[in-house]
Amino acid sequence: MGDDAITTWVGSLAAQTDLAPATVRLYAADARRFAAWLAATGRAGPLAAATLGDAQDYRDTLVTARLAPATVNRASTSIGTGSRDKPAV
């Protein structure tokens, strides 16, 4: 998912949900980090095309990096939202 696509997805998410603006910003940051991780691991492509295995591998990477459980869970929720909604990216 390119940065323009993430921006479009975030705008849609903000308009179509009752999420707080801070939550939307965090989701955007999580989507950008996930997209960067996909690219760094040779799995570049639209976030909507990411597989469950990609998401699980990413979560494992975050856990291995010893991020706080709340951070790992939010990142998982963020990318799950992006995948479930299948943004046009």
PDB file of N, CA and C in Angstrom:
ATOM      1  N   MET A   1       0.862  -1.163   0.000  1.00  0.00           N
ATOM      2  CA  MET A   1       0.000   0.000   0.000  1.00  0.00           C
ATOM      3  C   MET A   1       0.902   1.216   0.000  1.00  0.00           C
ATOM      4  N   GLY A   2       0.796   2.028  -1.025  1.00  0.00           N
ATOM      5  CA  GLY A   2       1.578   3.244  -1.097  1.00  0.00           C
ATOM      6  C   GLY A   2       1.034   4.301  -0.163  1.00  0.00           C
ATOM      7  N   ASP A   3       1.843   5.332   0.047  1.00  0.00           N
ATOM      8  CA  ASP A   3       1.446   6.378   0.982  1.00  0.00           C
ATOM      9  C   ASP A   3       0.156   7.073   0.552  1.00  0.00           C
ATOM     10  N   ASP A   4      -0.029   7.303  -0.759  1.00  0.00           N
ATOM     11  CA  ASP A   4      -1.267   7.912  -1.240  1.00  0.00           C
ATOM     12  C   ASP A   4      -2.471   7.026  -0.933  1.00  0.00           C
ATOM     13  N   ALA A   5      -2.296   5.731  -1.122  1.00  0.00           N
ATOM     14  CA  ALA A   5      -3.384   4.792  -0.848  1.00  0.00           C
ATOM     15  C   ALA A   5      -3.715   4.760   0.638  1.00  0.00           C
ATOM     16  N   ILE A   6      -2.694   4.825   1.473  1.00  0.00           N
ATOM     17  CA  ILE A   6      -2.943   4.850   2.917  1.00  0.00           C
ATOM     18  C   ILE A   6      -3.694   6.115   3.292  1.00  0.00           C
ATOM     19  N   THR A   7      -3.292   7.231   2.722  1.00  0.00           N
ATOM     20  CA  THR A   7      -3.973   8.499   2.995  1.00  0.00           C
ATOM     21  C   THR A   7      -5.442   8.418   2.593  1.00  0.00           C
ATOM     22  N   THR A   8      -5.712   7.831   1.434  1.00  0.00           N
ATOM     23  CA  THR A   8      -7.093   7.666   0.971  1.00  0.00           C
ATOM     24  C   THR A   8      -7.867   6.760   1.915  1.00  0.00           C
ATOM     25  N   TRP A   9      -7.253   5.635   2.305  1.00  0.00           N
ATOM     26  CA  TRP A   9      -7.896   4.691   3.216  1.00  0.00           C
ATOM     27  C   TRP A   9      -8.201   5.350   4.557  1.00  0.00           C
ATOM     28  N   VAL A  10      -7.239   6.126   5.068  1.00  0.00           N
ATOM     29  CA  VAL A  10      -7.432   6.793   6.360  1.00  0.00           C
ATOM     30  C   VAL A  10      -8.569   7.813   6.274  1.00  0.00           C
ATOM     31  N   GLY A  11      -8.634   8.550   5.172  1.00  0.00           N
ATOM     32  CA  GLY A  11      -9.729   9.495   4.991  1.00  0.00           C
ATOM     33  C   GLY A  11     -11.070   8.794   4.995  1.00  0.00           C
ATOM     34  N   SER A  12     -11.128   7.661   4.330  1.00  0.00           N
ATOM     35  CA  SER A  12     -12.356   6.869   4.293  1.00  0.00           C
ATOM     36  C   SER A  12     -12.696   6.331   5.673  1.00  0.00           C
ATOM     37  N   LEU A  13     -11.690   5.841   6.370  1.00  0.00           N
ATOM     38  CA  LEU A  13     -11.887   5.298   7.713  1.00  0.00           C
ATOM     39  C   LEU A  13     -12.406   6.383   8.651  1.00  0.00           C
ATOM     40  N   ALA A  14     -11.818   7.557   8.566  1.00  0.00           N
ATOM     41  CA  ALA A  14     -12.237   8.659   9.434  1.00  0.00           C
ATOM     42  C   ALA A  14     -13.667   9.083   9.137  1.00  0.00           C
ATOM     43  N   ALA A  15     -14.044   9.062   7.864  1.00  0.00           N
ATOM     44  CA  ALA A  15     -15.382   9.509   7.473  1.00  0.00           C
ATOM     45  C   ALA A  15     -16.457   8.476   7.779  1.00  0.00           C
ATOM     46  N   GLN A  16     -16.094   7.201   7.768  1.00  0.00           N
ATOM     47  CA  GLN A  16     -17.093   6.140   7.862  1.00  0.00           C
ATOM     48  C   GLN A  16     -17.165   5.462   9.226  1.00  0.00           C
ATOM     49  N   THR A  17     -16.363   5.908  10.175  1.00  0.00           N
ATOM     50  CA  THR A  17     -16.380   5.294  11.503  1.00  0.00           C
ATOM     51  C   THR A  17     -16.478   6.372  12.563  1.00  0.00           C
ATOM     52  N   ASP A  18     -16.663   5.944  13.790  1.00  0.00           N
ATOM     53  CA  ASP A  18     -16.677   6.893  14.899  1.00  0.00           C
ATOM     54  C   ASP A  18     -15.367   6.833  15.685  1.00  0.00           C
ATOM     55  N   LEU A  19     -14.298   6.393  15.018  1.00  0.00           N
ATOM     56  CA  LEU A  19     -13.000   6.338  15.679  1.00  0.00           C
ATOM     57  C   LEU A  19     -12.503   7.751  15.980  1.00  0.00           C
ATOM     58  N   ALA A  20     -11.842   7.892  17.105  1.00  0.00           N
ATOM     59  CA  ALA A  20     -11.250   9.181  17.469  1.00  0.00           C
ATOM     60  C   ALA A  20     -10.138   9.527  16.477  1.00  0.00           C
ATOM     61  N   PRO A  21      -9.936  10.809  16.218  1.00  0.00           N
ATOM     62  CA  PRO A  21      -8.869  11.222  15.300  1.00  0.00           C
ATOM     63  C   PRO A  21      -7.494  10.652  15.679  1.00  0.00           C
ATOM     64  N   ALA A  22      -7.197  10.580  16.952  1.00  0.00           N
ATOM     65  CA  ALA A  22      -5.904  10.024  17.384  1.00  0.00           C
ATOM     66  C   ALA A  22      -5.797   8.549  17.006  1.00  0.00           C
ATOM     67  N   THR A  23      -6.893   7.817  17.119  1.00  0.00           N
ATOM     68  CA  THR A  23      -6.905   6.407  16.745  1.00  0.00           C
ATOM     69  C   THR A  23      -6.689   6.260  15.251  1.00  0.00           C
ATOM     70  N   VAL A  24      -7.327   7.090  14.465  1.00  0.00           N
ATOM     71  CA  VAL A  24      -7.156   7.046  13.007  1.00  0.00           C
ATOM     72  C   VAL A  24      -5.694   7.319  12.649  1.00  0.00           C
ATOM     73  N   ARG A  25      -5.075   8.297  13.327  1.00  0.00           N
ATOM     74  CA  ARG A  25      -3.655   8.589  13.063  1.00  0.00           C
ATOM     75  C   ARG A  25      -2.780   7.388  13.413  1.00  0.00           C
ATOM     76  N   LEU A  26      -3.073   6.722  14.516  1.00  0.00           N
ATOM     77  CA  LEU A  26      -2.296   5.545  14.904  1.00  0.00           C
ATOM     78  C   LEU A  26      -2.491   4.412  13.896  1.00  0.00           C
ATOM     79  N   TYR A  27      -3.713   4.212  13.423  1.00  0.00           N
ATOM     80  CA  TYR A  27      -3.972   3.198  12.403  1.00  0.00           C
ATOM     81  C   TYR A  27      -3.168   3.496  11.139  1.00  0.00           C
ATOM     82  N   ALA A  28      -3.103   4.772  10.764  1.00  0.00           N
ATOM     83  CA  ALA A  28      -2.335   5.164   9.577  1.00  0.00           C
ATOM     84  C   ALA A  28      -0.859   4.849   9.764  1.00  0.00           C
ATOM     85  N   ALA A  29      -0.331   5.185  10.932  1.00  0.00           N
ATOM     86  CA  ALA A  29       1.076   4.901  11.217  1.00  0.00           C
ATOM     87  C   ALA A  29       1.333   3.395  11.195  1.00  0.00           C
ATOM     88  N   ASP A  30       0.404   2.627  11.766  1.00  0.00           N
ATOM     89  CA  ASP A  30       0.549   1.167  11.757  1.00  0.00           C
ATOM     90  C   ASP A  30       0.525   0.621  10.331  1.00  0.00           C
ATOM     91  N   ALA A  31      -0.366   1.143   9.507  1.00  0.00           N
ATOM     92  CA  ALA A  31      -0.448   0.687   8.112  1.00  0.00           C
ATOM     93  C   ALA A  31       0.841   1.009   7.363  1.00  0.00           C
ATOM     94  N   ARG A  32       1.399   2.191   7.610  1.00  0.00           N
ATOM     95  CA  ARG A  32       2.666   2.563   6.954  1.00  0.00           C
ATOM     96  C   ARG A  32       3.807   1.655   7.400  1.00  0.00           C
ATOM     97  N   ARG A  33       3.859   1.344   8.697  1.00  0.00           N
ATOM     98  CA  ARG A  33       4.908   0.437   9.194  1.00  0.00           C
ATOM     99  C   ARG A  33       4.733  -0.964   8.617  1.00  0.00           C
ATOM    100  N   PHE A  34       3.502  -1.428   8.531  1.00  0.00           N
ATOM    101  CA  PHE A  34       3.250  -2.757   7.966  1.00  0.00           C
ATOM    102  C   PHE A  34       3.649  -2.785   6.495  1.00  0.00           C
ATOM    103  N   ALA A  35       3.284  -1.737   5.753  1.00  0.00           N
ATOM    104  CA  ALA A  35       3.659  -1.662   4.340  1.00  0.00           C
ATOM    105  C   ALA A  35       5.182  -1.655   4.182  1.00  0.00           C
ATOM    106  N   ALA A  36       5.874  -0.927   5.053  1.00  0.00           N
ATOM    107  CA  ALA A  36       7.337  -0.888   5.009  1.00  0.00           C
ATOM    108  C   ALA A  36       7.925  -2.262   5.333  1.00  0.00           C
ATOM    109  N   TRP A  37       7.339  -2.938   6.303  1.00  0.00           N
ATOM    110  CA  TRP A  37       7.794  -4.281   6.663  1.00  0.00           C
ATOM    111  C   TRP A  37       7.564  -5.240   5.502  1.00  0.00           C
ATOM    112  N   LEU A  38       6.402  -5.153   4.865  1.00  0.00           N
ATOM    113  CA  LEU A  38       6.136  -6.000   3.699  1.00  0.00           C
ATOM    114  C   LEU A  38       7.194  -5.783   2.625  1.00  0.00           C
ATOM    115  N   ALA A  39       7.514  -4.520   2.354  1.00  0.00           N
ATOM    116  CA  ALA A  39       8.520  -4.211   1.331  1.00  0.00           C
ATOM    117  C   ALA A  39       9.896  -4.738   1.738  1.00  0.00           C
ATOM    118  N   ALA A  40      10.247  -4.552   3.005  1.00  0.00           N
ATOM    119  CA  ALA A  40      11.563  -4.982   3.492  1.00  0.00           C
ATOM    120  C   ALA A  40      11.729  -6.495   3.465  1.00  0.00           C
ATOM    121  N   THR A  41      10.613  -7.210   3.533  1.00  0.00           N
ATOM    122  CA  THR A  41      10.673  -8.676   3.525  1.00  0.00           C
ATOM    123  C   THR A  41      10.344  -9.254   2.147  1.00  0.00           C
ATOM    124  N   GLY A  42      10.304  -8.377   1.148  1.00  0.00           N
ATOM    125  CA  GLY A  42      10.055  -8.840  -0.218  1.00  0.00           C
ATOM    126  C   GLY A  42       8.617  -9.175  -0.519  1.00  0.00           C
ATOM    127  N   ARG A  43       7.708  -8.654   0.270  1.00  0.00           N
ATOM    128  CA  ARG A  43       6.285  -8.944   0.079  1.00  0.00           C
ATOM    129  C   ARG A  43       5.504  -7.689  -0.296  1.00  0.00           C
ATOM    130  N   ALA A  44       6.160  -6.771  -0.962  1.00  0.00           N
ATOM    131  CA  ALA A  44       5.529  -5.490  -1.300  1.00  0.00           C
ATOM    132  C   ALA A  44       4.265  -5.704  -2.123  1.00  0.00           C
ATOM    133  N   GLY A  45       3.318  -4.833  -1.913  1.00  0.00           N
ATOM    134  CA  GLY A  45       2.061  -4.894  -2.640  1.00  0.00           C
ATOM    135  C   GLY A  45       0.990  -4.194  -1.840  1.00  0.00           C
ATOM    136  N   PRO A  46      -0.209  -4.167  -2.352  1.00  0.00           N
ATOM    137  CA  PRO A  46      -1.305  -3.516  -1.622  1.00  0.00           C
ATOM    138  C   PRO A  46      -1.556  -4.194  -0.279  1.00  0.00           C
ATOM    139  N   LEU A  47      -1.842  -3.399   0.715  1.00  0.00           N
ATOM    140  CA  LEU A  47      -2.156  -3.944   2.035  1.00  0.00           C
ATOM    141  C   LEU A  47      -3.320  -4.927   1.942  1.00  0.00           C
ATOM    142  N   ALA A  48      -4.276  -4.633   1.092  1.00  0.00           N
ATOM    143  CA  ALA A  48      -5.446  -5.502   0.943  1.00  0.00           C
ATOM    144  C   ALA A  48      -5.070  -6.875   0.405  1.00  0.00           C
ATOM    145  N   ALA A  49      -3.888  -6.995  -0.226  1.00  0.00           N
ATOM    146  CA  ALA A  49      -3.452  -8.281  -0.769  1.00  0.00           C
ATOM    147  C   ALA A  49      -2.608  -9.074   0.233  1.00  0.00           C
ATOM    148  N   ALA A  50      -2.312  -8.474   1.375  1.00  0.00           N
ATOM    149  CA  ALA A  50      -1.528  -9.177   2.390  1.00  0.00           C
ATOM    150  C   ALA A  50      -2.312 -10.390   2.885  1.00  0.00           C
ATOM    151  N   THR A  51      -1.585 -11.452   3.150  1.00  0.00           N
ATOM    152  CA  THR A  51      -2.221 -12.688   3.597  1.00  0.00           C
ATOM    153  C   THR A  51      -2.284 -12.750   5.125  1.00  0.00           C
ATOM    154  N   LEU A  52      -3.055 -13.670   5.620  1.00  0.00           N
ATOM    155  CA  LEU A  52      -3.100 -13.909   7.058  1.00  0.00           C
ATOM    156  C   LEU A  52      -1.705 -14.290   7.548  1.00  0.00           C
ATOM    157  N   GLY A  53      -0.994 -15.070   6.763  1.00  0.00           N
ATOM    158  CA  GLY A  53       0.379 -15.439   7.120  1.00  0.00           C
ATOM    159  C   GLY A  53       1.289 -14.226   7.234  1.00  0.00           C
ATOM    160  N   ASP A  54       1.123 -13.261   6.320  1.00  0.00           N
ATOM    161  CA  ASP A  54       1.905 -12.022   6.399  1.00  0.00           C
ATOM    162  C   ASP A  54       1.620 -11.311   7.718  1.00  0.00           C
ATOM    163  N   ALA A  55       0.341 -11.207   8.056  1.00  0.00           N
ATOM    164  CA  ALA A  55      -0.054 -10.516   9.291  1.00  0.00           C
ATOM    165  C   ALA A  55       0.491 -11.238  10.518  1.00  0.00           C
ATOM    166  N   GLN A  56       0.452 -12.568  10.500  1.00  0.00           N
ATOM    167  CA  GLN A  56       0.983 -13.337  11.630  1.00  0.00           C
ATOM    168  C   GLN A  56       2.492 -13.181  11.748  1.00  0.00           C
ATOM    169  N   ASP A  57       3.184 -13.189  10.607  1.00  0.00           N
ATOM    170  CA  ASP A  57       4.635 -12.988  10.621  1.00  0.00           C
ATOM    171  C   ASP A  57       4.988 -11.605  11.152  1.00  0.00           C
ATOM    172  N   TYR A  58       4.204 -10.603  10.740  1.00  0.00           N
ATOM    173  CA  TYR A  58       4.440  -9.238  11.213  1.00  0.00           C
ATOM    174  C   TYR A  58       4.217  -9.156  12.724  1.00  0.00           C
ATOM    175  N   ARG A  59       3.143  -9.758  13.186  1.00  0.00           N
ATOM    176  CA  ARG A  59       2.874  -9.762  14.627  1.00  0.00           C
ATOM    177  C   ARG A  59       4.020 -10.432  15.376  1.00  0.00           C
ATOM    178  N   ASP A  60       4.509 -11.550  14.856  1.00  0.00           N
ATOM    179  CA  ASP A  60       5.644 -12.234  15.487  1.00  0.00           C
ATOM    180  C   ASP A  60       6.875 -11.328  15.537  1.00  0.00           C
ATOM    181  N   THR A  61       7.080 -10.553  14.471  1.00  0.00           N
ATOM    182  CA  THR A  61       8.197  -9.612  14.428  1.00  0.00           C
ATOM    183  C   THR A  61       8.056  -8.562  15.524  1.00  0.00           C
ATOM    184  N   LEU A  62       6.845  -8.054  15.711  1.00  0.00           N
ATOM    185  CA  LEU A  62       6.615  -7.048  16.749  1.00  0.00           C
ATOM    186  C   LEU A  62       6.822  -7.636  18.143  1.00  0.00           C
ATOM    187  N   VAL A  63       6.365  -8.857  18.342  1.00  0.00           N
ATOM    188  CA  VAL A  63       6.544  -9.527  19.637  1.00  0.00           C
ATOM    189  C   VAL A  63       8.029  -9.758  19.904  1.00  0.00           C
ATOM    190  N   THR A  64       8.747 -10.231  18.883  1.00  0.00           N
ATOM    191  CA  THR A  64      10.179 -10.482  19.018  1.00  0.00           C
ATOM    192  C   THR A  64      10.934  -9.189  19.340  1.00  0.00           C
ATOM    193  N   ALA A  65      10.449  -8.073  18.802  1.00  0.00           N
ATOM    194  CA  ALA A  65      11.063  -6.770  19.079  1.00  0.00           C
ATOM    195  C   ALA A  65      10.717  -6.267  20.485  1.00  0.00           C
ATOM    196  N   ARG A  66       9.949  -7.045  21.217  1.00  0.00           N
ATOM    197  CA  ARG A  66       9.558  -6.736  22.595  1.00  0.00           C
ATOM    198  C   ARG A  66       8.743  -5.447  22.734  1.00  0.00           C
ATOM    199  N   LEU A  67       7.891  -5.214  21.745  1.00  0.00           N
ATOM    200  CA  LEU A  67       6.974  -4.082  21.868  1.00  0.00           C
ATOM    201  C   LEU A  67       5.927  -4.414  22.929  1.00  0.00           C
ATOM    202  N   ALA A  68       5.361  -3.401  23.499  1.00  0.00           N
ATOM    203  CA  ALA A  68       4.342  -3.600  24.525  1.00  0.00           C
ATOM    204  C   ALA A  68       3.165  -4.369  23.929  1.00  0.00           C
ATOM    205  N   PRO A  69       2.560  -5.258  24.717  1.00  0.00           N
ATOM    206  CA  PRO A  69       1.417  -6.024  24.204  1.00  0.00           C
ATOM    207  C   PRO A  69       0.310  -5.135  23.632  1.00  0.00           C
ATOM    208  N   ALA A  70       0.045  -3.999  24.259  1.00  0.00           N
ATOM    209  CA  ALA A  70      -0.996  -3.106  23.743  1.00  0.00           C
ATOM    210  C   ALA A  70      -0.613  -2.573  22.361  1.00  0.00           C
ATOM    211  N   THR A  71       0.661  -2.317  22.137  1.00  0.00           N
ATOM    212  CA  THR A  71       1.128  -1.832  20.839  1.00  0.00           C
ATOM    213  C   THR A  71       0.983  -2.918  19.780  1.00  0.00           C
ATOM    214  N   VAL A  72       1.354  -4.125  20.130  1.00  0.00           N
ATOM    215  CA  VAL A  72       1.231  -5.254  19.198  1.00  0.00           C
ATOM    216  C   VAL A  72      -0.240  -5.487  18.851  1.00  0.00           C
ATOM    217  N   ASN A  73      -1.097  -5.447  19.849  1.00  0.00           N
ATOM    218  CA  ASN A  73      -2.523  -5.667  19.614  1.00  0.00           C
ATOM    219  C   ASN A  73      -3.133  -4.562  18.752  1.00  0.00           C
ATOM    220  N   ARG A  74      -2.746  -3.306  19.010  1.00  0.00           N
ATOM    221  CA  ARG A  74      -3.269  -2.214  18.192  1.00  0.00           C
ATOM    222  C   ARG A  74      -2.803  -2.362  16.744  1.00  0.00           C
ATOM    223  N   ALA A  75      -1.532  -2.702  16.545  1.00  0.00           N
ATOM    224  CA  ALA A  75      -1.011  -2.883  15.185  1.00  0.00           C
ATOM    225  C   ALA A  75      -1.769  -4.000  14.474  1.00  0.00           C
ATOM    226  N   SER A  76      -2.051  -5.065  15.188  1.00  0.00           N
ATOM    227  CA  SER A  76      -2.808  -6.166  14.602  1.00  0.00           C
ATOM    228  C   SER A  76      -4.217  -5.735  14.226  1.00  0.00           C
ATOM    229  N   THR A  77      -4.827  -4.956  15.095  1.00  0.00           N
ATOM    230  CA  THR A  77      -6.165  -4.434  14.804  1.00  0.00           C
ATOM    231  C   THR A  77      -6.118  -3.506  13.598  1.00  0.00           C
ATOM    232  N   SER A  78      -5.122  -2.644  13.549  1.00  0.00           N
ATOM    233  CA  SER A  78      -4.990  -1.691  12.448  1.00  0.00           C
ATOM    234  C   SER A  78      -4.879  -2.396  11.105  1.00  0.00           C
ATOM    235  N   ILE A  79      -3.989  -3.360  11.015  1.00  0.00           N
ATOM    236  CA  ILE A  79      -3.813  -4.024   9.721  1.00  0.00           C
ATOM    237  C   ILE A  79      -4.973  -4.955   9.431  1.00  0.00           C
ATOM    238  N   GLY A  80      -5.609  -5.451  10.476  1.00  0.00           N
ATOM    239  CA  GLY A  80      -6.813  -6.261  10.262  1.00  0.00           C
ATOM    240  C   GLY A  80      -7.936  -5.440   9.685  1.00  0.00           C
ATOM    241  N   THR A  81      -8.076  -4.213  10.164  1.00  0.00           N
ATOM    242  CA  THR A  81      -9.075  -3.302   9.632  1.00  0.00           C
ATOM    243  C   THR A  81      -8.797  -3.020   8.167  1.00  0.00           C
ATOM    244  N   GLY A  82      -7.550  -2.735   7.852  1.00  0.00           N
ATOM    245  CA  GLY A  82      -7.185  -2.459   6.466  1.00  0.00           C
ATOM    246  C   GLY A  82      -7.441  -3.639   5.545  1.00  0.00           C
ATOM    247  N   SER A  83      -7.147  -4.826   6.017  1.00  0.00           N
ATOM    248  CA  SER A  83      -7.353  -6.008   5.194  1.00  0.00           C
ATOM    249  C   SER A  83      -8.835  -6.339   5.042  1.00  0.00           C
ATOM    250  N   ARG A  84      -9.586  -6.231   6.143  1.00  0.00           N
ATOM    251  CA  ARG A  84     -11.001  -6.577   6.104  1.00  0.00           C
ATOM    252  C   ARG A  84     -11.787  -5.615   5.219  1.00  0.00           C
ATOM    253  N   ASP A  85     -11.439  -4.329   5.295  1.00  0.00           N
ATOM    254  CA  ASP A  85     -12.165  -3.329   4.520  1.00  0.00           C
ATOM    255  C   ASP A  85     -11.759  -3.337   3.059  1.00  0.00           C
ATOM    256  N   LYS A  86     -10.674  -3.991   2.727  1.00  0.00           N
ATOM    257  CA  LYS A  86     -10.169  -4.067   1.355  1.00  0.00           C
ATOM    258  C   LYS A  86     -10.157  -2.700   0.693  1.00  0.00           C
ATOM    259  N   PRO A  87      -9.325  -1.773   1.234  1.00  0.00           N
ATOM    260  CA  PRO A  87      -9.272  -0.453   0.620  1.00  0.00           C
ATOM    261  C   PRO A  87      -8.828  -0.540  -0.834  1.00  0.00           C
ATOM    262  N   ALA A  88      -9.295   0.377  -1.622  1.00  0.00           N
ATOM    263  CA  ALA A  88      -8.963   0.394  -3.052  1.00  0.00           C
ATOM    264  C   ALA A  88      -7.552   0.952  -3.208  1.00  0.00           C
ATOM    265  N   VAL A  89      -6.577   0.072  -3.061  1.00  0.00           N
ATOM    266  CA  VAL A  89      -5.172   0.498  -3.156  1.00  0.00           C
ATOM    267  C   VAL A  89      -4.430  -0.324  -4.171  1.00  0.00           C
TER     268      VAL A  89
END
